[in-house]
Amino acid sequence: MNKKLNEDVKKALYTRDREFIAEHIGQIKDPYLVYRYAEEIVRGKVSSRLENIIAKGAGASFYYARYILRNRFLKGEDAIAKDAYYSYWYSKNVLKAPFRKGEKSIAKNVEMSNWYAQVVLKERFRKGEKSLVKCDTPWFLANYCEFLQKIGKLKEFLKDFPEVRIILKDTLKVKSM
């Protein structure tokens, strides 16, 4: 879709110009614009063809699942799984359970690994621990260690990553390290 039409569709969505949208819906290829169409114009589930477009975008798929379907969006899970941020939020707010398909991308993101472990798994997130240990921001590692201490898993973690004692020595203190 060219930039002009893209901008015109955004304006039509904002003004809820149903006539313009109806005329151009077949040309919309942007996942987020199709999601917005579902939200602003249809106010619900859209056709399978349009869902296929939404499914190409991680953000659009997450928003469609959370705010339109209020349930899983299987077609969009591959796109969501490629994005750490949306994988975490999808697991937390849509599935309300672990999102195994997205764990590979979550594991590469220090912040999302930390919150995924604490909020979703309520357990160690072994896949994300290497990135937490290598992180340039020791706060996330210290926060993760404090969480592990609360659930009785800190000693186990420190056996797997003894270098953490050195990394955290001069930053945030974790009791009984």
Protein backbone atom coordinates (compact mmCIF):
# COMPACT_ATOMS: atom_id res chain seq x y z
CA MET A 1 0.00 0.00 0.00
CA ASN A 2 1.47 3.38 -0.93
CA LYS A 3 2.19 6.02 1.71
CA LYS A 4 -0.64 8.33 0.64
CA LEU A 5 -3.26 5.59 0.88
CA ASN A 6 -1.74 4.49 4.18
CA GLU A 7 -2.14 8.01 5.59
CA ASP A 8 -5.66 8.29 4.16
CA VAL A 9 -6.63 5.00 5.83
CA LYS A 10 -5.22 6.25 9.16
CA LYS A 11 -7.32 9.40 8.85
CA ALA A 12 -10.40 7.41 7.88
CA LEU A 13 -9.94 5.17 10.90
CA TYR A 14 -9.55 8.20 13.14
CA THR A 15 -12.69 9.85 11.74
CA ARG A 16 -14.50 6.49 11.42
CA ASP A 17 -15.14 7.11 7.73
CA ARG A 18 -16.82 3.76 7.07
CA GLU A 19 -17.44 4.54 3.40
CA PHE A 20 -13.77 5.23 2.66
CA ILE A 21 -12.66 2.19 4.64
CA ALA A 22 -15.17 -0.11 2.91
CA GLU A 23 -13.89 1.09 -0.46
CA HIS A 24 -10.21 0.51 0.43
CA ILE A 25 -10.22 -2.42 2.90
CA GLY A 26 -9.03 -4.80 0.17
CA GLN A 27 -5.88 -2.72 -0.31
CA ILE A 28 -4.88 -2.55 3.35
CA LYS A 29 -1.81 -4.70 3.94
CA ASP A 30 -0.49 -3.16 7.15
CA PRO A 31 -1.22 -5.52 10.09
CA TYR A 32 -1.70 -2.70 12.58
CA LEU A 33 -4.12 -0.80 10.33
CA VAL A 34 -6.19 -3.95 9.86
CA TYR A 35 -6.22 -4.43 13.65
CA ARG A 36 -7.36 -0.80 14.02
CA TYR A 37 -10.09 -1.49 11.45
CA ALA A 38 -11.26 -4.42 13.60
CA GLU A 39 -11.17 -2.22 16.70
CA GLU A 40 -12.59 1.07 15.38
CA ILE A 41 -14.94 0.09 12.56
CA VAL A 42 -15.98 -3.54 12.96
CA ARG A 43 -15.61 -3.52 16.74
CA GLY A 44 -15.01 -7.23 16.68
CA LYS A 45 -13.64 -10.23 14.84
CA VAL A 46 -12.80 -9.73 11.16
CA SER A 47 -12.75 -12.15 8.21
CA SER A 48 -10.15 -14.88 7.95
CA ARG A 49 -8.47 -13.01 5.07
CA LEU A 50 -8.03 -9.91 7.24
CA GLU A 51 -6.90 -12.01 10.20
CA ASN A 52 -4.15 -13.38 7.96
CA ILE A 53 -2.90 -9.82 7.48
CA ILE A 54 -3.07 -9.07 11.21
CA ALA A 55 -1.15 -12.30 11.87
CA LYS A 56 1.90 -10.91 10.07
CA GLY A 57 2.56 -8.34 12.82
CA ALA A 58 3.53 -9.12 16.40
CA GLY A 59 1.94 -6.00 17.88
CA ALA A 60 -1.20 -6.21 15.79
CA SER A 61 -1.61 -9.89 16.69
CA PHE A 62 -1.17 -9.21 20.40
CA TYR A 63 -3.65 -6.31 20.38
CA TYR A 64 -6.16 -8.29 18.32
CA ALA A 65 -5.92 -11.22 20.75
CA ARG A 66 -6.16 -9.06 23.85
CA TYR A 67 -8.72 -6.44 22.89
CA ILE A 68 -10.81 -8.03 20.13
CA LEU A 69 -10.79 -11.78 20.66
CA ARG A 70 -10.01 -11.61 24.38
CA ASN A 71 -8.46 -15.00 23.80
CA ARG A 72 -5.63 -16.74 21.94
CA PHE A 73 -4.96 -15.75 18.35
CA LEU A 74 -3.35 -18.89 16.97
CA LYS A 75 -2.75 -17.38 13.53
CA GLY A 76 -0.68 -14.61 15.07
CA GLU A 77 1.38 -16.64 17.51
CA ASP A 78 4.30 -17.14 15.10
CA ALA A 79 4.66 -13.37 14.67
CA ILE A 80 4.23 -12.74 18.40
CA ALA A 81 6.84 -15.41 19.21
CA LYS A 82 9.50 -13.47 17.28
CA ASP A 83 9.15 -10.44 19.57
CA ALA A 84 10.24 -10.64 23.22
CA TYR A 85 8.08 -7.74 24.35
CA TYR A 86 4.85 -8.99 22.80
CA SER A 87 5.60 -12.61 23.79
CA TYR A 88 5.82 -11.57 27.42
CA TRP A 89 2.66 -9.46 27.31
CA TYR A 90 0.78 -12.15 25.36
CA SER A 91 1.68 -14.75 27.99
CA LYS A 92 0.79 -12.41 30.85
CA ASN A 93 -2.40 -10.78 29.56
CA VAL A 94 -3.88 -13.19 27.02
CA LEU A 95 -2.77 -16.71 27.86
CA LYS A 96 -2.27 -16.00 31.55
CA ALA A 97 0.20 -18.86 31.27
CA PRO A 98 3.64 -19.52 29.80
CA PHE A 99 4.05 -18.91 26.07
CA ARG A 100 6.58 -21.60 25.19
CA LYS A 101 6.68 -20.60 21.53
CA GLY A 102 7.93 -17.13 22.50
CA GLU A 103 10.50 -18.16 25.09
CA LYS A 104 13.41 -18.12 22.64
CA SER A 105 12.90 -14.41 21.95
CA ILE A 106 12.08 -13.63 25.59
CA ALA A 107 15.34 -15.30 26.63
CA LYS A 108 17.33 -12.82 24.51
CA ASN A 109 15.79 -9.82 26.28
CA VAL A 110 17.05 -9.20 29.82
CA GLU A 111 14.08 -7.17 31.01
CA MET A 112 11.45 -9.51 29.57
CA SER A 113 13.33 -12.57 30.92
CA ASN A 114 13.28 -11.07 34.39
CA TRP A 115 9.57 -10.26 34.34
CA TYR A 116 8.59 -13.49 32.57
CA ALA A 117 10.27 -15.49 35.34
CA GLN A 118 8.68 -13.49 38.13
CA VAL A 119 5.22 -12.70 36.80
CA VAL A 120 4.37 -15.58 34.47
CA LEU A 121 6.46 -18.59 35.47
CA LYS A 122 6.90 -17.66 39.15
CA GLU A 123 9.98 -19.85 38.79
CA ARG A 124 13.50 -19.74 37.37
CA PHE A 125 13.62 -18.98 33.66
CA ARG A 126 16.71 -20.97 32.77
CA LYS A 127 16.55 -20.02 29.07
CA GLY A 128 16.95 -16.34 29.96
CA GLU A 129 19.57 -16.63 32.67
CA LYS A 130 22.64 -16.37 30.40
CA SER A 131 21.43 -13.03 29.06
CA LEU A 132 20.68 -11.83 32.60
CA VAL A 133 24.19 -12.75 33.74
CA LYS A 134 25.81 -11.03 30.72
CA CYS A 135 23.62 -7.92 31.03
CA ASP A 136 25.20 -4.46 31.12
CA THR A 137 22.57 -3.34 33.64
CA PRO A 138 23.14 -5.24 36.90
CA TRP A 139 19.79 -4.09 38.29
CA PHE A 140 17.92 -6.79 36.34
CA LEU A 141 20.30 -9.48 37.55
CA ALA A 142 20.08 -8.25 41.14
CA ASN A 143 16.28 -8.10 40.91
CA TYR A 144 16.21 -11.63 39.50
CA CYS A 145 18.46 -12.84 42.32
CA GLU A 146 16.20 -11.22 44.92
CA PHE A 147 13.26 -13.03 43.32
CA LEU A 148 15.15 -16.34 43.34
CA GLN A 149 15.97 -15.81 47.00
CA LYS A 150 12.28 -15.32 47.79
CA ILE A 151 11.36 -18.61 46.09
CA GLY A 152 14.32 -20.52 47.56
CA LYS A 153 16.20 -20.99 44.28
CA LEU A 154 19.11 -18.57 44.67
CA LYS A 155 21.67 -21.16 45.85
CA GLU A 156 20.78 -23.40 42.91
CA PHE A 157 21.22 -20.45 40.51
CA LEU A 158 24.56 -19.47 42.08
CA LYS A 159 25.83 -23.04 41.59
CA ASP A 160 25.02 -22.70 37.88
CA PHE A 161 26.43 -19.16 37.65
CA PRO A 162 29.09 -18.65 40.36
CA GLU A 163 30.33 -15.50 38.60
CA VAL A 164 27.17 -13.73 39.76
CA ARG A 165 28.65 -13.39 43.25
CA ILE A 166 31.42 -11.25 41.75
CA ILE A 167 29.13 -9.31 39.42
CA LEU A 168 26.79 -8.31 42.24
CA LYS A 169 29.44 -7.85 44.92
CA ASP A 170 29.61 -4.08 44.41
CA THR A 171 26.05 -3.43 43.23
CA LEU A 172 22.76 -4.26 44.89
CA LYS A 173 23.20 -6.57 47.85
CA VAL A 174 21.33 -9.84 47.93
CA LYS A 175 21.04 -11.37 51.40
CA SER A 176 23.12 -14.47 52.17
CA MET A 177 24.93 -14.68 48.86
